[in-house]
Amino acid sequence: MIDTRTHGIIDYVTGVLLIIAPYLFGFATGGVEQWLPQVIGVAIIAMSLITRYELSAAKVIPLKVHLGADIGSGILLAVSPWLFGFAALIWWPHLLVGLMEIVVASMTRRSTEAAPRSE
């Protein structure tokens, strides 16, 4: 399981990566292949700032809502190259990061309380 602090770090890194990925990987065309990951990246950072976990600025939304949104945006990002018809141009970053979002959200502990230590 992934603890919530680690999840928060992954969120911020993923958000920044999604914002800059079109420039890093050469798909900054102004189309949906560029703006969709950037919008999702901004949303991940914004949601992270207001989630009830260690690395947020304002603890407004429950962690379960955050994780559900992560899974939803991960699915959208993963299928977007085929859904929006740009797979011939670029598909692998969208699929890879989308699947990563789903896996990380699915593996994150649902509570911000520390896990019991085994002795």
C-alpha atoms as a PDB file:
ATOM      1  CA  MET A   1       0.000   0.000   0.000  1.00  0.00           C
ATOM      2  CA  ILE A   2       1.025   3.585  -0.651  1.00  0.00           C
ATOM      3  CA  ASP A   3       0.704   5.960   2.296  1.00  0.00           C
ATOM      4  CA  THR A   4      -1.071   9.272   1.820  1.00  0.00           C
ATOM      5  CA  ARG A   5       2.081  11.366   2.165  1.00  0.00           C
ATOM      6  CA  THR A   6       3.750   9.432  -0.651  1.00  0.00           C
ATOM      7  CA  HIS A   7       0.554   9.722  -2.690  1.00  0.00           C
ATOM      8  CA  GLY A   8       0.676  13.493  -2.232  1.00  0.00           C
ATOM      9  CA  ILE A   9       4.254  13.658  -3.476  1.00  0.00           C
ATOM     10  CA  ILE A  10       3.325  11.527  -6.490  1.00  0.00           C
ATOM     11  CA  ASP A  11       0.357  13.840  -7.157  1.00  0.00           C
ATOM     12  CA  TYR A  12       2.441  17.000  -7.292  1.00  0.00           C
ATOM     13  CA  VAL A  13       5.159  15.395  -9.435  1.00  0.00           C
ATOM     14  CA  THR A  14       2.564  13.918 -11.801  1.00  0.00           C
ATOM     15  CA  GLY A  15       0.737  17.236 -12.087  1.00  0.00           C
ATOM     16  CA  VAL A  16       3.905  19.092 -13.059  1.00  0.00           C
ATOM     17  CA  LEU A  17       4.934  16.308 -15.446  1.00  0.00           C
ATOM     18  CA  LEU A  18       1.569  16.433 -17.222  1.00  0.00           C
ATOM     19  CA  ILE A  19       1.840  20.199 -17.628  1.00  0.00           C
ATOM     20  CA  ILE A  20       5.324  20.079 -19.174  1.00  0.00           C
ATOM     21  CA  ALA A  21       5.091  16.712 -21.007  1.00  0.00           C
ATOM     22  CA  PRO A  22       3.846  18.167 -24.317  1.00  0.00           C
ATOM     23  CA  TYR A  23       6.994  20.282 -24.536  1.00  0.00           C
ATOM     24  CA  LEU A  24       9.313  17.511 -23.336  1.00  0.00           C
ATOM     25  CA  PHE A  25       7.958  14.888 -25.719  1.00  0.00           C
ATOM     26  CA  GLY A  26       7.134  17.028 -28.751  1.00  0.00           C
ATOM     27  CA  PHE A  27       3.348  17.040 -28.824  1.00  0.00           C
ATOM     28  CA  ALA A  28       2.731  20.710 -28.011  1.00  0.00           C
ATOM     29  CA  THR A  29       0.488  21.191 -31.041  1.00  0.00           C
ATOM     30  CA  GLY A  30      -2.308  23.182 -29.427  1.00  0.00           C
ATOM     31  CA  GLY A  31      -4.701  20.253 -29.857  1.00  0.00           C
ATOM     32  CA  VAL A  32      -6.403  17.982 -27.373  1.00  0.00           C
ATOM     33  CA  GLU A  33      -3.258  15.837 -27.157  1.00  0.00           C
ATOM     34  CA  GLN A  34      -1.568  18.851 -25.532  1.00  0.00           C
ATOM     35  CA  TRP A  35      -4.262  20.549 -23.510  1.00  0.00           C
ATOM     36  CA  LEU A  36      -5.920  17.459 -22.010  1.00  0.00           C
ATOM     37  CA  PRO A  37      -2.856  16.322 -20.025  1.00  0.00           C
ATOM     38  CA  GLN A  38      -2.152  19.932 -19.074  1.00  0.00           C
ATOM     39  CA  VAL A  39      -5.700  20.458 -17.776  1.00  0.00           C
ATOM     40  CA  ILE A  40      -5.524  17.170 -15.874  1.00  0.00           C
ATOM     41  CA  GLY A  41      -2.122  18.196 -14.474  1.00  0.00           C
ATOM     42  CA  VAL A  42      -3.497  21.496 -13.187  1.00  0.00           C
ATOM     43  CA  ALA A  43      -6.533  19.680 -11.756  1.00  0.00           C
ATOM     44  CA  ILE A  44      -4.314  17.151  -9.954  1.00  0.00           C
ATOM     45  CA  ILE A  45      -2.303  19.938  -8.334  1.00  0.00           C
ATOM     46  CA  ALA A  46      -5.413  21.951  -7.424  1.00  0.00           C
ATOM     47  CA  MET A  47      -7.153  18.910  -5.975  1.00  0.00           C
ATOM     48  CA  SER A  48      -4.027  17.970  -4.038  1.00  0.00           C
ATOM     49  CA  LEU A  49      -3.980  21.413  -2.475  1.00  0.00           C
ATOM     50  CA  ILE A  50      -7.497  20.917  -1.067  1.00  0.00           C
ATOM     51  CA  THR A  51      -7.534  17.204  -0.160  1.00  0.00           C
ATOM     52  CA  ARG A  52      -7.634  16.082   3.459  1.00  0.00           C
ATOM     53  CA  TYR A  53      -4.116  14.709   3.632  1.00  0.00           C
ATOM     54  CA  GLU A  54      -0.688  15.734   4.837  1.00  0.00           C
ATOM     55  CA  LEU A  55       0.517  17.746   1.843  1.00  0.00           C
ATOM     56  CA  SER A  56      -2.506  19.949   1.227  1.00  0.00           C
ATOM     57  CA  ALA A  57      -2.942  23.631   1.955  1.00  0.00           C
ATOM     58  CA  ALA A  58      -6.663  23.411   2.779  1.00  0.00           C
ATOM     59  CA  LYS A  59      -8.215  20.149   3.884  1.00  0.00           C
ATOM     60  CA  VAL A  60     -11.570  20.440   2.116  1.00  0.00           C
ATOM     61  CA  ILE A  61     -12.316  17.311   0.081  1.00  0.00           C
ATOM     62  CA  PRO A  62     -12.220  13.764   1.463  1.00  0.00           C
ATOM     63  CA  LEU A  63      -9.395  11.480   0.396  1.00  0.00           C
ATOM     64  CA  LYS A  64     -11.858   8.985  -1.109  1.00  0.00           C
ATOM     65  CA  VAL A  65     -13.236  11.696  -3.423  1.00  0.00           C
ATOM     66  CA  HIS A  66      -9.683  12.597  -4.441  1.00  0.00           C
ATOM     67  CA  LEU A  67      -8.827   8.959  -5.182  1.00  0.00           C
ATOM     68  CA  GLY A  68     -12.028   8.528  -7.204  1.00  0.00           C
ATOM     69  CA  ALA A  69     -11.139  11.595  -9.258  1.00  0.00           C
ATOM     70  CA  ASP A  70      -7.628  10.201  -9.781  1.00  0.00           C
ATOM     71  CA  ILE A  71      -9.080   6.974 -11.155  1.00  0.00           C
ATOM     72  CA  GLY A  72     -11.519   8.846 -13.387  1.00  0.00           C
ATOM     73  CA  SER A  73      -8.879  11.194 -14.797  1.00  0.00           C
ATOM     74  CA  GLY A  74      -6.499   8.246 -15.206  1.00  0.00           C
ATOM     75  CA  ILE A  75      -9.064   6.384 -17.303  1.00  0.00           C
ATOM     76  CA  LEU A  76      -9.756   9.488 -19.405  1.00  0.00           C
ATOM     77  CA  LEU A  77      -6.060  10.146 -19.951  1.00  0.00           C
ATOM     78  CA  ALA A  78      -5.319   6.495 -20.799  1.00  0.00           C
ATOM     79  CA  VAL A  79      -8.043   6.229 -23.449  1.00  0.00           C
ATOM     80  CA  SER A  80      -7.754   9.791 -24.771  1.00  0.00           C
ATOM     81  CA  PRO A  81      -5.474   9.038 -27.756  1.00  0.00           C
ATOM     82  CA  TRP A  82      -8.115   6.714 -29.207  1.00  0.00           C
ATOM     83  CA  LEU A  83     -11.163   8.546 -27.868  1.00  0.00           C
ATOM     84  CA  PHE A  84     -10.066  11.851 -29.420  1.00  0.00           C
ATOM     85  CA  GLY A  85      -8.277  10.391 -32.453  1.00  0.00           C
ATOM     86  CA  PHE A  86      -4.678  11.484 -31.943  1.00  0.00           C
ATOM     87  CA  ALA A  87      -3.098   8.047 -31.363  1.00  0.00           C
ATOM     88  CA  ALA A  88      -1.272   8.277 -34.707  1.00  0.00           C
ATOM     89  CA  LEU A  89       0.545  11.369 -33.385  1.00  0.00           C
ATOM     90  CA  ILE A  90       1.247  10.363 -29.751  1.00  0.00           C
ATOM     91  CA  TRP A  91      -0.263   7.847 -27.364  1.00  0.00           C
ATOM     92  CA  TRP A  92       2.304   6.358 -24.973  1.00  0.00           C
ATOM     93  CA  PRO A  93       2.628   9.208 -22.406  1.00  0.00           C
ATOM     94  CA  HIS A  94      -1.141   9.471 -22.088  1.00  0.00           C
ATOM     95  CA  LEU A  95      -1.584   5.716 -21.660  1.00  0.00           C
ATOM     96  CA  LEU A  96       1.392   5.314 -19.314  1.00  0.00           C
ATOM     97  CA  VAL A  97       0.534   8.199 -16.972  1.00  0.00           C
ATOM     98  CA  GLY A  98      -3.176   7.348 -17.068  1.00  0.00           C
ATOM     99  CA  LEU A  99      -2.507   3.763 -16.016  1.00  0.00           C
ATOM    100  CA  MET A 100      -0.074   4.973 -13.364  1.00  0.00           C
ATOM    101  CA  GLU A 101      -2.767   7.253 -11.911  1.00  0.00           C
ATOM    102  CA  ILE A 102      -5.197   4.340 -11.706  1.00  0.00           C
ATOM    103  CA  VAL A 103      -2.655   2.023 -10.055  1.00  0.00           C
ATOM    104  CA  VAL A 104      -1.425   4.620  -7.549  1.00  0.00           C
ATOM    105  CA  ALA A 105      -4.977   5.593  -6.546  1.00  0.00           C
ATOM    106  CA  SER A 106      -5.961   1.930  -6.220  1.00  0.00           C
ATOM    107  CA  MET A 107      -2.950   1.143  -4.041  1.00  0.00           C
ATOM    108  CA  THR A 108      -3.219   4.171  -1.728  1.00  0.00           C
ATOM    109  CA  ARG A 109      -4.276   3.637   1.864  1.00  0.00           C
ATOM    110  CA  ARG A 110      -7.723   5.153   2.334  1.00  0.00           C
ATOM    111  CA  SER A 111      -6.845   6.833   5.626  1.00  0.00           C
ATOM    112  CA  THR A 112      -4.321   9.476   6.605  1.00  0.00           C
ATOM    113  CA  GLU A 113      -3.689   7.669   9.869  1.00  0.00           C
ATOM    114  CA  ALA A 114      -0.336   5.969  10.200  1.00  0.00           C
ATOM    115  CA  ALA A 115      -0.279   2.275   9.395  1.00  0.00           C
ATOM    116  CA  PRO A 116       0.312  -0.030  12.352  1.00  0.00           C
ATOM    117  CA  ARG A 117       3.938  -1.057  12.723  1.00  0.00           C
ATOM    118  CA  SER A 118       4.800  -4.712  12.837  1.00  0.00           C
ATOM    119  CA  GLU A 119       7.259  -5.613  15.546  1.00  0.00           C
END
